[in-house]
Amino acid sequence: MAHRIRRIVTGHSKDGKAVFTIDEELETIVIPTGDAAMATIWTTSAVPADCNDQSDGRLREAGTTLKGGSVIRVVDMLPGASSPMHRSSSIDYGIVISGEIELELDDKVFKTIGIGGIIIQNGTIHKWRNPSLSEKCRIVFVLTEAKPFEVNGIPLSDEMIHE
């Protein structure tokens, strides 16, 4: 059974009264690499965000991150799957809400994070792996663009390493 995501969005009426603007259910969709299914919940085009922007932030084009903005996304890491090793210039907050995930860094060093664990990913190169062969791992990610980490004054680049 798929666990649907309920998205509730608030906004303002023309006279400034708080109103509900969206109440809908979403499902995650498997990405082309086949290791995860994702649903973008909301984006902002800038940080700080503009509460006067009444567009549906879910419909804004966003890659892994959004240049100058932020993204909230639900990610279901599929059973037994792993992502490529990758880096993005962003600060990512990941909250595990079901299952468990292994976060691997350089030199094959990793930690296993379970339900309720919170990951703060500071633009490091990393890989996600779901150690379960039967259960997906659901993580809610909030991603905000960041300046890249610098080594001797040279910024580390965003990269995707296919193994």
C-alpha atoms as a PDB file:
ATOM      1  CA  MET A   1       0.000   0.000   0.000  1.00  0.00           C
ATOM      2  CA  ALA A   2       1.391   3.383  -1.001  1.00  0.00           C
ATOM      3  CA  HIS A   3       1.561   5.982   1.746  1.00  0.00           C
ATOM      4  CA  ARG A   4       0.096   9.084   0.194  1.00  0.00           C
ATOM      5  CA  ILE A   5       1.303  12.528   1.196  1.00  0.00           C
ATOM      6  CA  ARG A   6      -1.260  15.110   2.238  1.00  0.00           C
ATOM      7  CA  ARG A   7      -0.184  18.636   1.270  1.00  0.00           C
ATOM      8  CA  ILE A   8      -2.021  21.539   2.902  1.00  0.00           C
ATOM      9  CA  VAL A   9      -1.069  25.071   1.845  1.00  0.00           C
ATOM     10  CA  THR A  10      -2.214  28.328   3.399  1.00  0.00           C
ATOM     11  CA  GLY A  11      -2.351  31.790   1.880  1.00  0.00           C
ATOM     12  CA  HIS A  12      -4.295  35.038   2.137  1.00  0.00           C
ATOM     13  CA  SER A  13      -7.577  36.343   0.828  1.00  0.00           C
ATOM     14  CA  LYS A  14      -7.602  39.726  -0.941  1.00  0.00           C
ATOM     15  CA  ASP A  15      -8.332  41.415   2.403  1.00  0.00           C
ATOM     16  CA  GLY A  16      -5.449  39.643   4.176  1.00  0.00           C
ATOM     17  CA  LYS A  17      -7.409  36.933   5.973  1.00  0.00           C
ATOM     18  CA  ALA A  18      -5.625  33.563   6.363  1.00  0.00           C
ATOM     19  CA  VAL A  19      -7.167  30.883   4.137  1.00  0.00           C
ATOM     20  CA  PHE A  20      -6.457  27.328   3.034  1.00  0.00           C
ATOM     21  CA  THR A  21      -5.500  27.410  -0.651  1.00  0.00           C
ATOM     22  CA  ILE A  22      -4.610  23.759  -1.323  1.00  0.00           C
ATOM     23  CA  ASP A  23      -5.544  20.466   0.338  1.00  0.00           C
ATOM     24  CA  GLU A  24      -4.543  17.485  -1.769  1.00  0.00           C
ATOM     25  CA  GLU A  25      -2.900  14.083  -1.683  1.00  0.00           C
ATOM     26  CA  LEU A  26       0.252  13.259  -3.641  1.00  0.00           C
ATOM     27  CA  GLU A  27       2.242  10.128  -4.364  1.00  0.00           C
ATOM     28  CA  THR A  28       5.954   9.782  -4.945  1.00  0.00           C
ATOM     29  CA  ILE A  29       7.050   8.965  -8.519  1.00  0.00           C
ATOM     30  CA  VAL A  30      10.031   6.720  -9.331  1.00  0.00           C
ATOM     31  CA  ILE A  31      12.928   8.755 -10.767  1.00  0.00           C
ATOM     32  CA  PRO A  32      14.811   7.696 -13.939  1.00  0.00           C
ATOM     33  CA  THR A  33      17.751   6.178 -11.991  1.00  0.00           C
ATOM     34  CA  GLY A  34      15.270   3.759 -10.373  1.00  0.00           C
ATOM     35  CA  ASP A  35      16.738   4.025  -6.871  1.00  0.00           C
ATOM     36  CA  ALA A  36      14.098   6.288  -5.355  1.00  0.00           C
ATOM     37  CA  ALA A  37      10.640   7.777  -5.776  1.00  0.00           C
ATOM     38  CA  MET A  38      10.120  11.476  -5.077  1.00  0.00           C
ATOM     39  CA  ALA A  39       7.461  14.139  -4.718  1.00  0.00           C
ATOM     40  CA  THR A  40       8.311  17.830  -4.609  1.00  0.00           C
ATOM     41  CA  ILE A  41       6.003  19.419  -2.055  1.00  0.00           C
ATOM     42  CA  TRP A  42       6.983  23.098  -2.383  1.00  0.00           C
ATOM     43  CA  THR A  43       9.737  25.398  -3.598  1.00  0.00           C
ATOM     44  CA  THR A  44      10.604  29.035  -3.119  1.00  0.00           C
ATOM     45  CA  SER A  45      12.385  31.035  -5.808  1.00  0.00           C
ATOM     46  CA  ALA A  46      14.413  33.020  -3.279  1.00  0.00           C
ATOM     47  CA  VAL A  47      15.628  33.016   0.305  1.00  0.00           C
ATOM     48  CA  PRO A  48      14.201  34.840   2.106  1.00  0.00           C
ATOM     49  CA  ALA A  49      10.973  33.762   0.449  1.00  0.00           C
ATOM     50  CA  ASP A  50       8.249  36.188  -0.643  1.00  0.00           C
ATOM     51  CA  CYS A  51       4.859  35.566   1.009  1.00  0.00           C
ATOM     52  CA  ASN A  52       3.313  37.767  -1.713  1.00  0.00           C
ATOM     53  CA  ASP A  53       4.122  35.095  -4.316  1.00  0.00           C
ATOM     54  CA  GLN A  54       0.801  33.270  -4.561  1.00  0.00           C
ATOM     55  CA  SER A  55       1.941  30.737  -7.180  1.00  0.00           C
ATOM     56  CA  ASP A  56       1.932  27.030  -6.354  1.00  0.00           C
ATOM     57  CA  GLY A  57       5.539  26.398  -5.343  1.00  0.00           C
ATOM     58  CA  ARG A  58       5.195  22.704  -6.206  1.00  0.00           C
ATOM     59  CA  LEU A  59       4.880  23.586  -9.888  1.00  0.00           C
ATOM     60  CA  ARG A  60       8.150  25.577 -10.039  1.00  0.00           C
ATOM     61  CA  GLU A  61      10.950  23.838 -11.989  1.00  0.00           C
ATOM     62  CA  ALA A  62      13.595  22.536  -9.586  1.00  0.00           C
ATOM     63  CA  GLY A  63      16.495  20.149  -9.889  1.00  0.00           C
ATOM     64  CA  THR A  64      18.039  18.555  -6.838  1.00  0.00           C
ATOM     65  CA  THR A  65      18.146  22.088  -5.446  1.00  0.00           C
ATOM     66  CA  LEU A  66      16.835  25.434  -6.701  1.00  0.00           C
ATOM     67  CA  LYS A  67      19.382  28.174  -7.385  1.00  0.00           C
ATOM     68  CA  GLY A  68      18.745  30.966  -4.899  1.00  0.00           C
ATOM     69  CA  GLY A  69      15.755  29.192  -3.403  1.00  0.00           C
ATOM     70  CA  SER A  70      14.579  26.226  -1.365  1.00  0.00           C
ATOM     71  CA  VAL A  71      12.855  22.894  -1.956  1.00  0.00           C
ATOM     72  CA  ILE A  72      10.922  20.519   0.288  1.00  0.00           C
ATOM     73  CA  ARG A  73      10.659  17.020  -1.093  1.00  0.00           C
ATOM     74  CA  VAL A  74       9.591  13.579   0.088  1.00  0.00           C
ATOM     75  CA  VAL A  75      11.996  10.820  -0.985  1.00  0.00           C
ATOM     76  CA  ASP A  76      11.238   7.101  -0.798  1.00  0.00           C
ATOM     77  CA  MET A  77      14.512   5.179  -1.087  1.00  0.00           C
ATOM     78  CA  LEU A  78      13.460   1.886  -2.589  1.00  0.00           C
ATOM     79  CA  PRO A  79      14.337  -1.446  -0.927  1.00  0.00           C
ATOM     80  CA  GLY A  80      17.955  -2.470  -1.521  1.00  0.00           C
ATOM     81  CA  ALA A  81      18.635   0.591  -3.692  1.00  0.00           C
ATOM     82  CA  SER A  82      21.446   3.115  -3.485  1.00  0.00           C
ATOM     83  CA  SER A  83      22.006   6.495  -5.069  1.00  0.00           C
ATOM     84  CA  PRO A  84      25.117   7.456  -7.005  1.00  0.00           C
ATOM     85  CA  MET A  85      27.832   9.228  -5.001  1.00  0.00           C
ATOM     86  CA  HIS A  86      27.041  12.936  -5.436  1.00  0.00           C
ATOM     87  CA  ARG A  87      27.466  16.472  -4.100  1.00  0.00           C
ATOM     88  CA  SER A  88      25.302  19.576  -4.406  1.00  0.00           C
ATOM     89  CA  SER A  89      26.004  23.091  -3.180  1.00  0.00           C
ATOM     90  CA  SER A  90      23.231  23.102  -0.619  1.00  0.00           C
ATOM     91  CA  ILE A  91      22.414  22.636   3.029  1.00  0.00           C
ATOM     92  CA  ASP A  92      19.991  19.715   3.246  1.00  0.00           C
ATOM     93  CA  TYR A  93      17.892  18.809   6.274  1.00  0.00           C
ATOM     94  CA  GLY A  94      16.696  15.200   6.065  1.00  0.00           C
ATOM     95  CA  ILE A  95      14.199  13.719   8.513  1.00  0.00           C
ATOM     96  CA  VAL A  96      13.719   9.933   8.394  1.00  0.00           C
ATOM     97  CA  ILE A  97      10.030   9.161   8.928  1.00  0.00           C
ATOM     98  CA  SER A  98       9.997   5.440   8.077  1.00  0.00           C
ATOM     99  CA  GLY A  99      12.547   2.675   7.578  1.00  0.00           C
ATOM    100  CA  GLU A 100      16.267   3.287   7.837  1.00  0.00           C
ATOM    101  CA  ILE A 101      18.951   4.665   5.554  1.00  0.00           C
ATOM    102  CA  GLU A 102      22.723   4.410   5.341  1.00  0.00           C
ATOM    103  CA  LEU A 103      24.546   7.663   4.587  1.00  0.00           C
ATOM    104  CA  GLU A 104      27.974   6.998   3.104  1.00  0.00           C
ATOM    105  CA  LEU A 105      30.678   9.665   2.877  1.00  0.00           C
ATOM    106  CA  ASP A 106      34.232   9.610   1.485  1.00  0.00           C
ATOM    107  CA  ASP A 107      36.367   6.511   2.042  1.00  0.00           C
ATOM    108  CA  LYS A 108      33.271   4.299   2.492  1.00  0.00           C
ATOM    109  CA  VAL A 109      32.605   5.681   5.992  1.00  0.00           C
ATOM    110  CA  PHE A 110      28.867   5.483   6.779  1.00  0.00           C
ATOM    111  CA  LYS A 111      26.221   5.810   9.474  1.00  0.00           C
ATOM    112  CA  THR A 112      22.797   4.179   9.658  1.00  0.00           C
ATOM    113  CA  ILE A 113      19.905   6.506  10.503  1.00  0.00           C
ATOM    114  CA  GLY A 114      16.474   5.256  11.617  1.00  0.00           C
ATOM    115  CA  ILE A 115      13.025   6.713  12.230  1.00  0.00           C
ATOM    116  CA  GLY A 116      13.220  10.157  13.837  1.00  0.00           C
ATOM    117  CA  GLY A 117      16.861  10.655  12.847  1.00  0.00           C
ATOM    118  CA  ILE A 118      17.724  14.035  11.375  1.00  0.00           C
ATOM    119  CA  ILE A 119      20.564  14.498   8.900  1.00  0.00           C
ATOM    120  CA  ILE A 120      22.167  17.865   8.175  1.00  0.00           C
ATOM    121  CA  GLN A 121      24.032  17.477   4.900  1.00  0.00           C
ATOM    122  CA  ASN A 122      26.554  20.342   4.469  1.00  0.00           C
ATOM    123  CA  GLY A 123      27.417  20.092   0.774  1.00  0.00           C
ATOM    124  CA  THR A 124      29.532  16.952   1.237  1.00  0.00           C
ATOM    125  CA  ILE A 125      29.918  14.196  -1.316  1.00  0.00           C
ATOM    126  CA  HIS A 126      27.664  11.341  -0.258  1.00  0.00           C
ATOM    127  CA  LYS A 127      25.596   8.306  -1.184  1.00  0.00           C
ATOM    128  CA  TRP A 128      22.264   7.026   0.184  1.00  0.00           C
ATOM    129  CA  ARG A 129      21.622   3.288   0.581  1.00  0.00           C
ATOM    130  CA  ASN A 130      18.515   1.512   1.830  1.00  0.00           C
ATOM    131  CA  PRO A 131      19.806  -1.609   3.639  1.00  0.00           C
ATOM    132  CA  SER A 132      16.362  -3.246   3.750  1.00  0.00           C
ATOM    133  CA  LEU A 133      15.470  -5.628   0.935  1.00  0.00           C
ATOM    134  CA  SER A 134      11.732  -5.351   1.667  1.00  0.00           C
ATOM    135  CA  GLU A 135      10.920  -1.917   3.147  1.00  0.00           C
ATOM    136  CA  LYS A 136      11.283   1.530   1.620  1.00  0.00           C
ATOM    137  CA  CYS A 137      12.794   4.365   3.643  1.00  0.00           C
ATOM    138  CA  ARG A 138      10.874   7.659   3.563  1.00  0.00           C
ATOM    139  CA  ILE A 139      12.807  10.864   4.197  1.00  0.00           C
ATOM    140  CA  VAL A 140      11.544  14.441   4.123  1.00  0.00           C
ATOM    141  CA  PHE A 141      14.233  16.777   2.756  1.00  0.00           C
ATOM    142  CA  VAL A 142      14.421  20.563   2.934  1.00  0.00           C
ATOM    143  CA  LEU A 143      17.172  21.810   0.603  1.00  0.00           C
ATOM    144  CA  THR A 144      18.512  25.364   0.542  1.00  0.00           C
ATOM    145  CA  GLU A 145      21.139  26.614  -1.895  1.00  0.00           C
ATOM    146  CA  ALA A 146      24.513  27.280  -0.243  1.00  0.00           C
ATOM    147  CA  LYS A 147      27.945  28.523  -1.205  1.00  0.00           C
ATOM    148  CA  PRO A 148      30.199  25.548  -1.996  1.00  0.00           C
ATOM    149  CA  PHE A 149      32.793  24.420   0.536  1.00  0.00           C
ATOM    150  CA  GLU A 150      36.276  25.697  -0.352  1.00  0.00           C
ATOM    151  CA  VAL A 151      39.622  23.916  -0.075  1.00  0.00           C
ATOM    152  CA  ASN A 152      42.569  26.328  -0.244  1.00  0.00           C
ATOM    153  CA  GLY A 153      40.243  28.974  -1.707  1.00  0.00           C
ATOM    154  CA  ILE A 154      38.931  26.681  -4.469  1.00  0.00           C
ATOM    155  CA  PRO A 155      35.229  25.761  -4.284  1.00  0.00           C
ATOM    156  CA  LEU A 156      34.331  22.072  -4.496  1.00  0.00           C
ATOM    157  CA  SER A 157      32.097  21.469  -7.518  1.00  0.00           C
ATOM    158  CA  ASP A 158      28.723  19.783  -7.642  1.00  0.00           C
ATOM    159  CA  GLU A 159      29.222  16.328  -9.043  1.00  0.00           C
ATOM    160  CA  MET A 160      27.621  12.970  -9.666  1.00  0.00           C
ATOM    161  CA  ILE A 161      29.874   9.910  -9.634  1.00  0.00           C
ATOM    162  CA  HIS A 162      28.450   6.847 -11.359  1.00  0.00           C
ATOM    163  CA  GLU A 163      30.055   3.707  -9.989  1.00  0.00           C
END
